[in-house]
Amino acid sequence: MKALALSASPRKDGNSRLLAEAVLEGAASRGHEVELADLSDAVAAPLRDCRTCRQADGACSIGDGYESLLLRQVLPADALVLATPLYWYGIAGQLKIFIDRLFCYLKTGYPGCADVRRRLVGKRLAVVVSSEETYPGSMVGVTAQLQELARYLHHDLVGVVRGVANSRGEVARDPADPLAQAYGLGTRLFEGHVSDHRIDTVRDGVVWP
């Protein structure tokens, strides 16, 4: 299987990126193919009004690396690792823009929208966040948004790891050892049990056979 990490930090040696790398190391230890992309290299502008912004052939007119990232890296991946620092109690702007601009490729105005829809759904999803604050409530906005994103895209949310850090590399000194947690999450990325029960879900009362 293939796992792609999307790093939303403007720092390429930042703490959330280190957590993403740890997830990928864990996945690689199980024989999976892994790759990391920095959103700052591909996403240069926010979503515009697609009704007036599209080119005549339906393509997006924003001339950055977003389309290549989406079509050549995101869609072929079997799992996505979303890595973000905690900014103002939410995800970093680059990740929000990445999510927003999916709209352009999912609407019928884009000629390949059916293929994008088919290949975007059903992935495994992991989330890693670096936060200066230890307060548990500081993560509520991030987890709520990305849980709903996973639900909307029919992704299996395997887990969320938060590391407490600010200066570069400081996440390695977090006593909770989030790098080890992230590595473990990577080892379970394609193997971990994911359940999301509804009232009519068939259950036998045993989680771990």
Foldseek 3Di string as FASTA:
>chain_A
DEEEEEAADPDCQADLVLLVVLLQLLQVVVVYHYYYDYLVQFDDDADDPQVPQADPQLHGPPPGRLVVCLPVPQLVGQEYEYTAEQDPLEGHPSVVRSVRVVVSLCDVSHVCNVVSLVRNAAHEYEYEYEYQDPPPSSNVHHVVVVVVVCVVRVYFDQYYFYFHDDPRPCSCVGPVRSSVVSSVSSNCRPPGDGDDDDPPDDDDPDDDD
